Amino acid sequence: MAETHWTPLMVEERLVEAADVMRRLPDVRVPGHFNTWPKILHEFADLVGQAPPRLKRPPPSPHAISRMEEALAWLAWLEPMDRKIVWLRASGERWKAVCWTVGLARTAAHQHWVYALCLIASRLNGDAPARRSRQHLIEVARAAKN
């Protein structure tokens, strides 16, 4: 199998997939609690005028869950604020909500997000995290993309 060169875009796509898999996992149920009421059977007249039920996506495959667990382990390499920004963006939050949650301006939050993706990509590529500035790491990742 050929070794892949990770880019920040690939890292972002994997984290978005991990957030999607997390949403599709079944709900956690407390053992020992159950319902003894019978299931309600609706007749056609009861359903007239109601919106059709939303279809649920199927549960994720075991391979998708393994990829999700791998991607979640990457978040441990980040600072807490960067981790929160990356996960909120992967979950589909808008920048306004992200900035409100972490208390940063839009440009600062975006710079934290880009830096975090570049840091994960460089760690996955086997580059030792040297004592370099955020800007240097971002420039190296952009140069590798071109």
N, C-alpha and C. Protein backbone atom coordinates (compact mmCIF):
# COMPACT_ATOMS: atom_id res chain seq x y z
N MET A 1 0.84 -1.17 0.00
CA MET A 1 0.00 0.00 0.00
C MET A 1 0.89 1.24 0.00
N ALA A 2 0.60 2.16 -0.87
CA ALA A 2 1.39 3.38 -0.99
C ALA A 2 1.14 4.29 0.20
N GLU A 3 2.21 4.91 0.67
CA GLU A 3 2.08 5.82 1.80
C GLU A 3 1.52 7.14 1.29
N THR A 4 0.50 7.64 1.99
CA THR A 4 -0.12 8.89 1.56
C THR A 4 0.54 10.07 2.24
N HIS A 5 0.56 11.16 1.53
CA HIS A 5 1.07 12.42 2.08
C HIS A 5 -0.15 13.22 2.52
N TRP A 6 -0.29 13.42 3.80
CA TRP A 6 -1.45 14.09 4.36
C TRP A 6 -1.38 15.59 4.10
N THR A 7 -2.52 16.15 3.73
CA THR A 7 -2.65 17.59 3.56
C THR A 7 -3.70 18.08 4.56
N PRO A 8 -3.71 19.37 4.86
CA PRO A 8 -4.74 19.89 5.76
C PRO A 8 -6.16 19.63 5.25
N LEU A 9 -6.36 19.63 3.92
CA LEU A 9 -7.68 19.35 3.37
C LEU A 9 -8.09 17.90 3.65
N MET A 10 -7.16 16.97 3.53
CA MET A 10 -7.46 15.57 3.82
C MET A 10 -7.79 15.39 5.30
N VAL A 11 -7.07 16.09 6.17
CA VAL A 11 -7.34 16.03 7.61
C VAL A 11 -8.73 16.57 7.89
N GLU A 12 -9.07 17.69 7.27
CA GLU A 12 -10.40 18.28 7.47
C GLU A 12 -11.50 17.33 7.03
N GLU A 13 -11.34 16.70 5.87
CA GLU A 13 -12.34 15.76 5.38
C GLU A 13 -12.51 14.58 6.32
N ARG A 14 -11.40 14.08 6.87
CA ARG A 14 -11.49 12.94 7.79
C ARG A 14 -12.19 13.35 9.08
N LEU A 15 -11.94 14.57 9.57
CA LEU A 15 -12.60 15.02 10.80
C LEU A 15 -14.09 15.27 10.57
N VAL A 16 -14.45 15.77 9.39
CA VAL A 16 -15.88 15.95 9.06
C VAL A 16 -16.56 14.59 9.00
N GLU A 17 -15.89 13.61 8.42
CA GLU A 17 -16.43 12.24 8.38
C GLU A 17 -16.59 11.70 9.80
N ALA A 18 -15.61 11.96 10.67
CA ALA A 18 -15.69 11.48 12.06
C ALA A 18 -16.88 12.10 12.78
N ALA A 19 -17.13 13.38 12.56
CA ALA A 19 -18.27 14.04 13.19
C ALA A 19 -19.59 13.45 12.68
N ASP A 20 -19.63 13.14 11.38
CA ASP A 20 -20.83 12.53 10.79
C ASP A 20 -21.07 11.14 11.36
N VAL A 21 -20.00 10.36 11.50
CA VAL A 21 -20.12 9.02 12.08
C VAL A 21 -20.59 9.11 13.53
N MET A 22 -20.08 10.09 14.25
CA MET A 22 -20.47 10.26 15.65
C MET A 22 -21.97 10.55 15.77
N ARG A 23 -22.50 11.36 14.84
CA ARG A 23 -23.93 11.68 14.86
C ARG A 23 -24.78 10.46 14.54
N ARG A 24 -24.26 9.56 13.71
CA ARG A 24 -25.04 8.39 13.28
C ARG A 24 -24.96 7.21 14.24
N LEU A 25 -24.12 7.29 15.25
CA LEU A 25 -24.05 6.20 16.22
C LEU A 25 -25.36 6.11 16.99
N PRO A 26 -25.77 4.92 17.40
CA PRO A 26 -27.02 4.80 18.15
C PRO A 26 -26.93 5.49 19.51
N ASP A 27 -28.07 5.92 19.99
CA ASP A 27 -28.12 6.57 21.29
C ASP A 27 -27.73 5.61 22.41
N VAL A 28 -27.14 6.17 23.45
CA VAL A 28 -26.76 5.37 24.61
C VAL A 28 -28.02 5.17 25.46
N ARG A 29 -28.25 3.94 25.84
CA ARG A 29 -29.42 3.63 26.66
C ARG A 29 -28.96 3.12 28.01
N VAL A 30 -29.69 3.51 29.03
CA VAL A 30 -29.38 3.06 30.39
C VAL A 30 -29.90 1.64 30.54
N PRO A 31 -29.04 0.70 30.92
CA PRO A 31 -29.52 -0.68 31.06
C PRO A 31 -30.49 -0.81 32.24
N GLY A 32 -31.48 -1.65 32.05
CA GLY A 32 -32.44 -1.91 33.12
C GLY A 32 -33.72 -1.11 33.02
N HIS A 33 -33.77 -0.13 32.12
CA HIS A 33 -34.98 0.66 31.94
C HIS A 33 -35.63 0.30 30.61
N PHE A 34 -36.93 0.08 30.65
CA PHE A 34 -37.64 -0.26 29.42
C PHE A 34 -39.07 0.23 29.54
N ASN A 35 -39.79 0.15 28.44
CA ASN A 35 -41.16 0.63 28.36
C ASN A 35 -42.08 -0.54 28.12
N THR A 36 -43.16 -0.63 28.89
CA THR A 36 -44.11 -1.74 28.72
C THR A 36 -45.36 -1.33 27.97
N TRP A 37 -45.44 -0.07 27.56
CA TRP A 37 -46.60 0.38 26.80
C TRP A 37 -46.57 -0.23 25.40
N PRO A 38 -47.73 -0.58 24.87
CA PRO A 38 -47.74 -1.14 23.51
C PRO A 38 -47.45 -0.06 22.48
N LYS A 39 -46.92 -0.46 21.35
CA LYS A 39 -46.63 0.47 20.27
C LYS A 39 -47.94 0.93 19.65
N ILE A 40 -48.06 2.22 19.38
CA ILE A 40 -49.29 2.79 18.83
C ILE A 40 -49.31 2.55 17.33
N LEU A 41 -50.40 1.99 16.86
CA LEU A 41 -50.58 1.76 15.43
C LEU A 41 -51.48 2.87 14.89
N HIS A 42 -50.98 3.66 13.97
CA HIS A 42 -51.73 4.76 13.40
C HIS A 42 -52.50 4.29 12.18
N GLU A 43 -53.71 4.79 12.04
CA GLU A 43 -54.50 4.52 10.84
C GLU A 43 -54.24 5.62 9.84
N PHE A 44 -54.70 5.40 8.62
CA PHE A 44 -54.46 6.37 7.56
C PHE A 44 -55.06 7.72 7.90
N ALA A 45 -56.24 7.73 8.49
CA ALA A 45 -56.91 8.99 8.82
C ALA A 45 -56.09 9.80 9.84
N ASP A 46 -55.37 9.12 10.71
CA ASP A 46 -54.53 9.81 11.69
C ASP A 46 -53.34 10.50 11.02
N LEU A 47 -52.89 9.97 9.90
CA LEU A 47 -51.68 10.47 9.25
C LEU A 47 -51.95 11.55 8.22
N VAL A 48 -53.21 11.79 7.86
CA VAL A 48 -53.54 12.80 6.86
C VAL A 48 -53.16 14.18 7.39
N GLY A 49 -52.46 14.94 6.59
CA GLY A 49 -52.07 16.29 6.96
C GLY A 49 -50.79 16.38 7.76
N GLN A 50 -50.22 15.27 8.14
CA GLN A 50 -48.96 15.30 8.88
C GLN A 50 -47.78 15.23 7.91
N ALA A 51 -46.68 15.76 8.36
CA ALA A 51 -45.46 15.68 7.55
C ALA A 51 -44.95 14.25 7.58
N PRO A 52 -44.37 13.80 6.48
CA PRO A 52 -43.82 12.44 6.49
C PRO A 52 -42.66 12.34 7.46
N PRO A 53 -42.47 11.17 8.06
CA PRO A 53 -41.37 11.03 9.02
C PRO A 53 -40.02 11.18 8.33
N ARG A 54 -39.05 11.76 9.05
CA ARG A 54 -37.71 11.90 8.51
C ARG A 54 -37.02 10.55 8.47
N LEU A 55 -36.42 10.26 7.37
CA LEU A 55 -35.69 9.01 7.24
C LEU A 55 -34.33 9.16 7.92
N LYS A 56 -33.92 8.14 8.63
CA LYS A 56 -32.62 8.15 9.29
C LYS A 56 -31.60 7.47 8.40
N ARG A 57 -30.39 7.97 8.48
CA ARG A 57 -29.31 7.31 7.75
C ARG A 57 -28.94 6.03 8.48
N PRO A 58 -28.43 5.06 7.75
CA PRO A 58 -28.07 3.81 8.41
C PRO A 58 -26.90 4.01 9.38
N PRO A 59 -26.77 3.12 10.35
CA PRO A 59 -25.64 3.25 11.28
C PRO A 59 -24.32 3.08 10.53
N PRO A 60 -23.26 3.67 11.06
CA PRO A 60 -21.97 3.60 10.36
C PRO A 60 -21.40 2.19 10.37
N SER A 61 -20.57 1.93 9.38
CA SER A 61 -19.92 0.62 9.29
C SER A 61 -18.79 0.53 10.32
N PRO A 62 -18.37 -0.68 10.66
CA PRO A 62 -17.25 -0.82 11.59
C PRO A 62 -15.98 -0.14 11.09
N HIS A 63 -15.75 -0.15 9.78
CA HIS A 63 -14.57 0.51 9.22
C HIS A 63 -14.66 2.03 9.43
N ALA A 64 -15.85 2.59 9.26
CA ALA A 64 -16.04 4.03 9.46
C ALA A 64 -15.84 4.39 10.93
N ILE A 65 -16.27 3.52 11.83
CA ILE A 65 -16.07 3.78 13.26
C ILE A 65 -14.58 3.73 13.60
N SER A 66 -13.84 2.81 12.99
CA SER A 66 -12.40 2.74 13.22
C SER A 66 -11.70 4.00 12.73
N ARG A 67 -12.09 4.51 11.55
CA ARG A 67 -11.52 5.75 11.04
C ARG A 67 -11.88 6.92 11.95
N MET A 68 -13.10 6.91 12.50
CA MET A 68 -13.51 7.97 13.42
C MET A 68 -12.65 7.95 14.68
N GLU A 69 -12.42 6.78 15.24
CA GLU A 69 -11.60 6.67 16.45
C GLU A 69 -10.17 7.14 16.17
N GLU A 70 -9.65 6.81 14.99
CA GLU A 70 -8.31 7.26 14.62
C GLU A 70 -8.26 8.78 14.54
N ALA A 71 -9.28 9.38 13.90
CA ALA A 71 -9.31 10.83 13.75
C ALA A 71 -9.50 11.53 15.10
N LEU A 72 -10.28 10.95 15.99
CA LEU A 72 -10.46 11.56 17.31
C LEU A 72 -9.17 11.55 18.11
N ALA A 73 -8.33 10.56 17.89
CA ALA A 73 -7.04 10.50 18.58
C ALA A 73 -6.13 11.65 18.14
N TRP A 74 -6.30 12.13 16.91
CA TRP A 74 -5.49 13.24 16.42
C TRP A 74 -5.75 14.51 17.22
N LEU A 75 -6.96 14.67 17.73
CA LEU A 75 -7.30 15.89 18.46
C LEU A 75 -6.49 16.04 19.74
N ALA A 76 -5.93 14.95 20.25
CA ALA A 76 -5.12 15.02 21.47
C ALA A 76 -3.82 15.78 21.24
N TRP A 77 -3.42 15.95 19.99
CA TRP A 77 -2.19 16.67 19.68
C TRP A 77 -2.36 18.18 19.74
N LEU A 78 -3.59 18.63 19.87
CA LEU A 78 -3.88 20.06 19.79
C LEU A 78 -4.08 20.68 21.17
N GLU A 79 -3.92 21.98 21.22
CA GLU A 79 -4.26 22.74 22.43
C GLU A 79 -5.78 22.72 22.60
N PRO A 80 -6.27 22.89 23.83
CA PRO A 80 -7.73 22.80 24.04
C PRO A 80 -8.56 23.74 23.17
N MET A 81 -8.11 24.99 23.01
CA MET A 81 -8.90 25.92 22.19
C MET A 81 -8.89 25.50 20.72
N ASP A 82 -7.73 25.10 20.22
CA ASP A 82 -7.64 24.66 18.83
C ASP A 82 -8.49 23.41 18.62
N ARG A 83 -8.47 22.50 19.60
CA ARG A 83 -9.26 21.28 19.53
C ARG A 83 -10.75 21.61 19.43
N LYS A 84 -11.20 22.57 20.22
CA LYS A 84 -12.60 22.95 20.22
C LYS A 84 -12.99 23.58 18.88
N ILE A 85 -12.13 24.44 18.35
CA ILE A 85 -12.41 25.09 17.07
C ILE A 85 -12.50 24.05 15.95
N VAL A 86 -11.54 23.14 15.92
CA VAL A 86 -11.51 22.12 14.86
C VAL A 86 -12.75 21.23 14.95
N TRP A 87 -13.14 20.83 16.15
CA TRP A 87 -14.28 19.93 16.28
C TRP A 87 -15.59 20.65 15.95
N LEU A 88 -15.73 21.91 16.36
CA LEU A 88 -16.94 22.66 16.02
C LEU A 88 -17.08 22.83 14.51
N ARG A 89 -15.97 23.12 13.84
CA ARG A 89 -16.03 23.27 12.38
C ARG A 89 -16.31 21.92 11.71
N ALA A 90 -15.74 20.84 12.23
CA ALA A 90 -16.00 19.51 11.65
C ALA A 90 -17.45 19.11 11.84
N SER A 91 -18.05 19.58 12.93
CA SER A 91 -19.45 19.26 13.21
C SER A 91 -20.41 20.11 12.39
N GLY A 92 -19.90 21.06 11.64
CA GLY A 92 -20.75 21.86 10.77
C GLY A 92 -21.19 23.19 11.35
N GLU A 93 -20.59 23.60 12.46
CA GLU A 93 -20.96 24.89 13.05
C GLU A 93 -20.48 26.03 12.17
N ARG A 94 -21.25 27.09 12.13
CA ARG A 94 -20.87 28.28 11.37
C ARG A 94 -19.80 29.03 12.15
N TRP A 95 -19.03 29.84 11.42
CA TRP A 95 -17.94 30.57 12.06
C TRP A 95 -18.44 31.50 13.16
N LYS A 96 -19.62 32.08 12.98
CA LYS A 96 -20.15 32.99 13.99
C LYS A 96 -20.34 32.26 15.32
N ALA A 97 -20.90 31.05 15.27
CA ALA A 97 -21.11 30.27 16.48
C ALA A 97 -19.77 29.83 17.08
N VAL A 98 -18.82 29.48 16.23
CA VAL A 98 -17.49 29.07 16.71
C VAL A 98 -16.82 30.23 17.45
N CYS A 99 -16.85 31.41 16.83
CA CYS A 99 -16.22 32.58 17.44
C CYS A 99 -16.89 32.93 18.76
N TRP A 100 -18.20 32.81 18.81
CA TRP A 100 -18.92 33.10 20.04
C TRP A 100 -18.54 32.10 21.14
N THR A 101 -18.38 30.85 20.78
CA THR A 101 -18.07 29.80 21.76
C THR A 101 -16.66 29.96 22.33
N VAL A 102 -15.69 30.23 21.48
CA VAL A 102 -14.30 30.29 21.95
C VAL A 102 -13.85 31.69 22.34
N GLY A 103 -14.64 32.71 21.98
CA GLY A 103 -14.31 34.07 22.38
C GLY A 103 -13.20 34.70 21.57
N LEU A 104 -13.11 34.35 20.29
CA LEU A 104 -12.09 34.94 19.41
C LEU A 104 -12.77 35.63 18.24
N ALA A 105 -12.03 36.56 17.61
CA ALA A 105 -12.50 37.19 16.39
C ALA A 105 -12.43 36.16 15.26
N ARG A 106 -13.11 36.43 14.17
CA ARG A 106 -13.21 35.50 13.05
C ARG A 106 -11.83 35.18 12.47
N THR A 107 -10.99 36.19 12.27
CA THR A 107 -9.67 35.94 11.68
C THR A 107 -8.78 35.14 12.62
N ALA A 108 -8.85 35.42 13.91
CA ALA A 108 -8.02 34.67 14.87
C ALA A 108 -8.49 33.22 14.96
N ALA A 109 -9.80 33.01 14.98
CA ALA A 109 -10.32 31.64 15.03
C ALA A 109 -9.93 30.87 13.77
N HIS A 110 -10.01 31.54 12.62
CA HIS A 110 -9.63 30.88 11.37
C HIS A 110 -8.15 30.52 11.36
N GLN A 111 -7.31 31.40 11.90
CA GLN A 111 -5.88 31.11 11.94
C GLN A 111 -5.61 29.92 12.87
N HIS A 112 -6.29 29.84 14.01
CA HIS A 112 -6.15 28.69 14.91
C HIS A 112 -6.57 27.40 14.18
N TRP A 113 -7.66 27.47 13.42
CA TRP A 113 -8.18 26.31 12.71
C TRP A 113 -7.19 25.83 11.65
N VAL A 114 -6.67 26.77 10.85
CA VAL A 114 -5.71 26.40 9.80
C VAL A 114 -4.45 25.82 10.42
N TYR A 115 -3.96 26.45 11.48
CA TYR A 115 -2.76 25.96 12.15
C TYR A 115 -2.98 24.54 12.68
N ALA A 116 -4.13 24.30 13.30
CA ALA A 116 -4.41 22.97 13.86
C ALA A 116 -4.43 21.90 12.77
N LEU A 117 -5.07 22.21 11.64
CA LEU A 117 -5.10 21.24 10.53
C LEU A 117 -3.70 20.99 9.98
N CYS A 118 -2.90 22.05 9.87
CA CYS A 118 -1.52 21.89 9.38
C CYS A 118 -0.68 21.10 10.37
N LEU A 119 -0.90 21.32 11.66
CA LEU A 119 -0.15 20.59 12.68
C LEU A 119 -0.47 19.10 12.63
N ILE A 120 -1.76 18.76 12.50
CA ILE A 120 -2.15 17.35 12.42
C ILE A 120 -1.55 16.73 11.16
N ALA A 121 -1.63 17.44 10.04
CA ALA A 121 -1.09 16.91 8.78
C ALA A 121 0.41 16.67 8.89
N SER A 122 1.13 17.60 9.50
CA SER A 122 2.58 17.41 9.62
C SER A 122 2.91 16.25 10.55
N ARG A 123 2.14 16.08 11.63
CA ARG A 123 2.37 14.94 12.52
C ARG A 123 2.08 13.62 11.82
N LEU A 124 1.03 13.59 11.00
CA LEU A 124 0.70 12.37 10.27
C LEU A 124 1.74 12.04 9.21
N ASN A 125 2.38 13.06 8.68
CA ASN A 125 3.43 12.85 7.68
C ASN A 125 4.76 12.46 8.31
N GLY A 126 4.82 12.43 9.64
CA GLY A 126 6.04 12.02 10.32
C GLY A 126 7.00 13.15 10.59
N ASP A 127 6.59 14.38 10.37
CA ASP A 127 7.45 15.52 10.67
C ASP A 127 7.43 15.78 12.16
N ALA A 128 8.61 15.88 12.74
CA ALA A 128 8.68 16.16 14.18
C ALA A 128 8.26 17.60 14.41
N PRO A 129 7.42 17.84 15.40
CA PRO A 129 6.99 19.22 15.65
C PRO A 129 8.14 20.06 16.20
N ALA A 130 8.76 20.81 15.31
CA ALA A 130 9.88 21.67 15.71
C ALA A 130 9.33 22.94 16.34
N ARG A 131 10.19 23.65 17.01
CA ARG A 131 9.77 24.92 17.61
C ARG A 131 9.74 25.98 16.52
N ARG A 132 8.67 25.98 15.77
CA ARG A 132 8.47 26.93 14.69
C ARG A 132 7.21 27.73 14.96
N SER A 133 7.09 28.84 14.28
CA SER A 133 5.92 29.69 14.46
C SER A 133 4.73 29.08 13.74
N ARG A 134 3.55 29.54 14.12
CA ARG A 134 2.34 29.10 13.44
C ARG A 134 2.40 29.43 11.96
N GLN A 135 2.85 30.64 11.66
CA GLN A 135 2.89 31.09 10.28
C GLN A 135 3.82 30.22 9.44
N HIS A 136 4.95 29.81 10.01
CA HIS A 136 5.88 28.96 9.27
C HIS A 136 5.24 27.62 8.91
N LEU A 137 4.56 27.00 9.87
CA LEU A 137 3.92 25.71 9.62
C LEU A 137 2.84 25.84 8.55
N ILE A 138 2.08 26.93 8.59
CA ILE A 138 1.04 27.14 7.58
C ILE A 138 1.67 27.34 6.20
N GLU A 139 2.76 28.10 6.13
CA GLU A 139 3.43 28.33 4.84
C GLU A 139 4.01 27.03 4.28
N VAL A 140 4.58 26.19 5.14
CA VAL A 140 5.12 24.90 4.68
C VAL A 140 4.01 24.04 4.12
N ALA A 141 2.86 24.01 4.78
CA ALA A 141 1.72 23.20 4.30
C ALA A 141 1.19 23.73 2.97
N ARG A 142 1.14 25.06 2.82
CA ARG A 142 0.66 25.64 1.56
C ARG A 142 1.66 25.37 0.43
N ALA A 143 2.95 25.40 0.73
CA ALA A 143 3.96 25.14 -0.28
C ALA A 143 3.93 23.68 -0.73
N ALA A 144 3.64 22.77 0.20
CA ALA A 144 3.55 21.35 -0.15
C ALA A 144 2.33 21.07 -1.02
N LYS A 145 1.30 21.89 -0.86
CA LYS A 145 0.08 21.70 -1.65
C LYS A 145 0.32 22.06 -3.11
N ASN A 146 1.17 23.05 -3.35
CA ASN A 146 1.41 23.51 -4.73
C ASN A 146 2.42 22.68 -5.44
